[in-house]
Amino acid sequence: MWPTHLSSESGSGGHLFRCGNGIKDAGEACVDGKNDGSDGTCKSDCSLADYCGDGVKSNNEACDDGAKNVALASACGQGVCTSVCTKAPYCGDGRVQSAFEDCNGSLDCTASCTTSVLH
């Protein structure tokens, strides 16, 4: 059964609308036709379902900083969350990110993941 609410939009005392009728009525955040709560869709009560970028870590997201999520191509740094809700690579994570690191954790590697010349 779909949640219902009265609308005062008519002059005859209101019409009974229900969530899921395909029309975004007053009090509904969304109506996308699915209303199954899957990622990026409406829940059955016409409130927004969880999605990457909403600022709430949910489902299989590693992180979600909302508007502070950083574009995947440029995300770097410990504690940084990417636009696809994964943790960004950082110096010291054990993996060389060729776009901005020379090394990562080897003996000749500096704290900023650049190669030092041993004398």
C-alpha atoms as a PDB file:
ATOM      1  CA  MET A   1       0.000   0.000   0.000  1.00  0.00           C
ATOM      2  CA  TRP A   2       1.340   3.433  -0.972  1.00  0.00           C
ATOM      3  CA  PRO A   3       1.444   6.286   1.547  1.00  0.00           C
ATOM      4  CA  THR A   4      -1.213   8.912   0.850  1.00  0.00           C
ATOM      5  CA  HIS A   5      -1.696  12.541   1.692  1.00  0.00           C
ATOM      6  CA  LEU A   6      -4.354  15.189   1.108  1.00  0.00           C
ATOM      7  CA  SER A   7      -3.614  18.015  -1.253  1.00  0.00           C
ATOM      8  CA  SER A   8      -5.225  21.406  -0.718  1.00  0.00           C
ATOM      9  CA  GLU A   9      -4.612  22.363  -4.339  1.00  0.00           C
ATOM     10  CA  SER A  10      -8.269  21.977  -5.322  1.00  0.00           C
ATOM     11  CA  GLY A  11     -10.984  24.360  -4.249  1.00  0.00           C
ATOM     12  CA  SER A  12     -13.281  21.520  -3.199  1.00  0.00           C
ATOM     13  CA  GLY A  13     -11.472  20.613   0.014  1.00  0.00           C
ATOM     14  CA  GLY A  14      -8.641  18.569  -1.437  1.00  0.00           C
ATOM     15  CA  HIS A  15      -7.965  15.469  -3.458  1.00  0.00           C
ATOM     16  CA  LEU A  16      -6.416  12.281  -2.174  1.00  0.00           C
ATOM     17  CA  PHE A  17      -3.019  11.716  -3.805  1.00  0.00           C
ATOM     18  CA  ARG A  18      -0.728   8.786  -3.221  1.00  0.00           C
ATOM     19  CA  CYS A  19       3.012   8.395  -3.486  1.00  0.00           C
ATOM     20  CA  GLY A  20       3.834   6.535  -6.664  1.00  0.00           C
ATOM     21  CA  ASN A  21       1.118   8.035  -8.811  1.00  0.00           C
ATOM     22  CA  GLY A  22       3.770   9.352 -11.214  1.00  0.00           C
ATOM     23  CA  ILE A  23       3.179  12.986 -10.245  1.00  0.00           C
ATOM     24  CA  LYS A  24       5.371  14.899  -7.778  1.00  0.00           C
ATOM     25  CA  ASP A  25       2.791  16.197  -5.349  1.00  0.00           C
ATOM     26  CA  ALA A  26       3.294  18.612  -2.440  1.00  0.00           C
ATOM     27  CA  GLY A  27       5.312  16.973   0.335  1.00  0.00           C
ATOM     28  CA  GLU A  28       7.098  14.526  -1.997  1.00  0.00           C
ATOM     29  CA  ALA A  29      10.846  14.852  -2.590  1.00  0.00           C
ATOM     30  CA  CYS A  30      10.726  12.739  -5.739  1.00  0.00           C
ATOM     31  CA  VAL A  31       8.709  10.480  -8.015  1.00  0.00           C
ATOM     32  CA  ASP A  32      10.710   8.421 -10.467  1.00  0.00           C
ATOM     33  CA  GLY A  33       8.366   5.541 -11.104  1.00  0.00           C
ATOM     34  CA  LYS A  34      10.520   2.935  -9.354  1.00  0.00           C
ATOM     35  CA  ASN A  35       9.889   3.826  -5.706  1.00  0.00           C
ATOM     36  CA  ASP A  36      11.938   0.831  -4.588  1.00  0.00           C
ATOM     37  CA  GLY A  37      14.657   2.647  -2.634  1.00  0.00           C
ATOM     38  CA  SER A  38      17.483   1.484  -4.908  1.00  0.00           C
ATOM     39  CA  ASP A  39      20.491   3.764  -5.324  1.00  0.00           C
ATOM     40  CA  GLY A  40      19.405   7.109  -6.744  1.00  0.00           C
ATOM     41  CA  THR A  41      15.684   6.407  -6.767  1.00  0.00           C
ATOM     42  CA  CYS A  42      12.766   7.244  -4.534  1.00  0.00           C
ATOM     43  CA  LYS A  43      11.797   5.255  -1.493  1.00  0.00           C
ATOM     44  CA  SER A  44       8.255   3.968  -1.241  1.00  0.00           C
ATOM     45  CA  ASP A  45       7.315   7.079   0.790  1.00  0.00           C
ATOM     46  CA  CYS A  46       8.567   9.399  -2.022  1.00  0.00           C
ATOM     47  CA  SER A  47      11.619  10.535  -0.077  1.00  0.00           C
ATOM     48  CA  LEU A  48      15.031  10.340  -1.735  1.00  0.00           C
ATOM     49  CA  ALA A  49      16.923   7.055  -1.473  1.00  0.00           C
ATOM     50  CA  ASP A  50      20.578   7.031  -0.446  1.00  0.00           C
ATOM     51  CA  TYR A  51      23.046   7.878  -3.200  1.00  0.00           C
ATOM     52  CA  CYS A  52      26.734   8.684  -3.586  1.00  0.00           C
ATOM     53  CA  GLY A  53      27.114  12.376  -2.895  1.00  0.00           C
ATOM     54  CA  ASP A  54      24.292  12.774  -0.371  1.00  0.00           C
ATOM     55  CA  GLY A  55      26.783  13.126   2.498  1.00  0.00           C
ATOM     56  CA  VAL A  56      25.723   9.908   4.241  1.00  0.00           C
ATOM     57  CA  LYS A  57      27.915   6.779   4.056  1.00  0.00           C
ATOM     58  CA  SER A  58      25.582   3.955   3.102  1.00  0.00           C
ATOM     59  CA  ASN A  59      25.343   0.612   1.330  1.00  0.00           C
ATOM     60  CA  ASN A  60      28.682  -0.267  -0.265  1.00  0.00           C
ATOM     61  CA  GLU A  61      30.179   3.249  -0.129  1.00  0.00           C
ATOM     62  CA  ALA A  62      33.631   3.498   1.459  1.00  0.00           C
ATOM     63  CA  CYS A  63      32.944   7.165   2.250  1.00  0.00           C
ATOM     64  CA  ASP A  64      30.566  10.003   1.327  1.00  0.00           C
ATOM     65  CA  ASP A  65      31.471  13.625   2.025  1.00  0.00           C
ATOM     66  CA  GLY A  66      28.631  15.027  -0.065  1.00  0.00           C
ATOM     67  CA  ALA A  67      29.597  18.207  -1.898  1.00  0.00           C
ATOM     68  CA  LYS A  68      33.177  17.791  -0.616  1.00  0.00           C
ATOM     69  CA  ASN A  69      33.696  14.588  -2.654  1.00  0.00           C
ATOM     70  CA  VAL A  70      36.598  15.158  -5.077  1.00  0.00           C
ATOM     71  CA  ALA A  71      36.574  14.247  -8.785  1.00  0.00           C
ATOM     72  CA  LEU A  72      38.037  10.765  -9.247  1.00  0.00           C
ATOM     73  CA  ALA A  73      40.728  11.889 -11.701  1.00  0.00           C
ATOM     74  CA  SER A  74      42.208  14.441  -9.288  1.00  0.00           C
ATOM     75  CA  ALA A  75      41.445  12.898  -5.884  1.00  0.00           C
ATOM     76  CA  CYS A  76      44.521  12.323  -3.747  1.00  0.00           C
ATOM     77  CA  GLY A  77      45.167  12.360  -0.028  1.00  0.00           C
ATOM     78  CA  GLN A  78      44.458  10.428   3.119  1.00  0.00           C
ATOM     79  CA  GLY A  79      40.866  10.972   4.212  1.00  0.00           C
ATOM     80  CA  VAL A  80      39.757  12.285   0.817  1.00  0.00           C
ATOM     81  CA  CYS A  81      36.555  10.827  -0.626  1.00  0.00           C
ATOM     82  CA  THR A  82      36.124  10.555  -4.408  1.00  0.00           C
ATOM     83  CA  SER A  83      33.083  11.400  -6.512  1.00  0.00           C
ATOM     84  CA  VAL A  84      32.313   7.664  -6.736  1.00  0.00           C
ATOM     85  CA  CYS A  85      32.411   7.318  -2.916  1.00  0.00           C
ATOM     86  CA  THR A  86      35.711   5.438  -2.736  1.00  0.00           C
ATOM     87  CA  LYS A  87      38.696   6.513  -0.654  1.00  0.00           C
ATOM     88  CA  ALA A  88      41.290   8.409  -2.659  1.00  0.00           C
ATOM     89  CA  PRO A  89      44.818   7.050  -3.016  1.00  0.00           C
ATOM     90  CA  TYR A  90      47.452   8.709  -0.847  1.00  0.00           C
ATOM     91  CA  CYS A  91      51.177   8.664  -0.261  1.00  0.00           C
ATOM     92  CA  GLY A  92      51.822   5.707   2.012  1.00  0.00           C
ATOM     93  CA  ASP A  93      48.961   3.477   0.868  1.00  0.00           C
ATOM     94  CA  GLY A  94      51.454   1.009  -0.654  1.00  0.00           C
ATOM     95  CA  ARG A  95      50.457   1.607  -4.287  1.00  0.00           C
ATOM     96  CA  VAL A  96      52.309   3.897  -6.682  1.00  0.00           C
ATOM     97  CA  GLN A  97      49.967   6.382  -8.349  1.00  0.00           C
ATOM     98  CA  SER A  98      52.008   7.293 -11.425  1.00  0.00           C
ATOM     99  CA  ALA A  99      50.205  10.593 -11.939  1.00  0.00           C
ATOM    100  CA  PHE A 100      51.647  12.065  -8.749  1.00  0.00           C
ATOM    101  CA  GLU A 101      54.051   9.569  -7.093  1.00  0.00           C
ATOM    102  CA  ASP A 102      57.492   8.214  -7.967  1.00  0.00           C
ATOM    103  CA  CYS A 103      57.340   5.530  -5.284  1.00  0.00           C
ATOM    104  CA  ASN A 104      55.287   4.419  -2.308  1.00  0.00           C
ATOM    105  CA  GLY A 105      56.889   2.789   0.700  1.00  0.00           C
ATOM    106  CA  SER A 106      60.191   1.570  -0.741  1.00  0.00           C
ATOM    107  CA  LEU A 107      63.525   2.200   0.988  1.00  0.00           C
ATOM    108  CA  ASP A 108      64.508   5.054  -1.334  1.00  0.00           C
ATOM    109  CA  CYS A 109      61.081   6.718  -1.089  1.00  0.00           C
ATOM    110  CA  THR A 110      60.575  10.002   0.772  1.00  0.00           C
ATOM    111  CA  ALA A 111      57.581  10.878   2.943  1.00  0.00           C
ATOM    112  CA  SER A 112      56.126  12.742  -0.031  1.00  0.00           C
ATOM    113  CA  CYS A 113      56.462   9.652  -2.294  1.00  0.00           C
ATOM    114  CA  THR A 114      59.314  10.979  -4.399  1.00  0.00           C
ATOM    115  CA  THR A 115      62.497   9.012  -4.983  1.00  0.00           C
ATOM    116  CA  SER A 116      65.476  10.176  -2.992  1.00  0.00           C
ATOM    117  CA  VAL A 117      69.049   9.629  -4.109  1.00  0.00           C
ATOM    118  CA  LEU A 118      70.984   7.654  -1.492  1.00  0.00           C
ATOM    119  CA  HIS A 119      74.621   8.678  -1.096  1.00  0.00           C
END
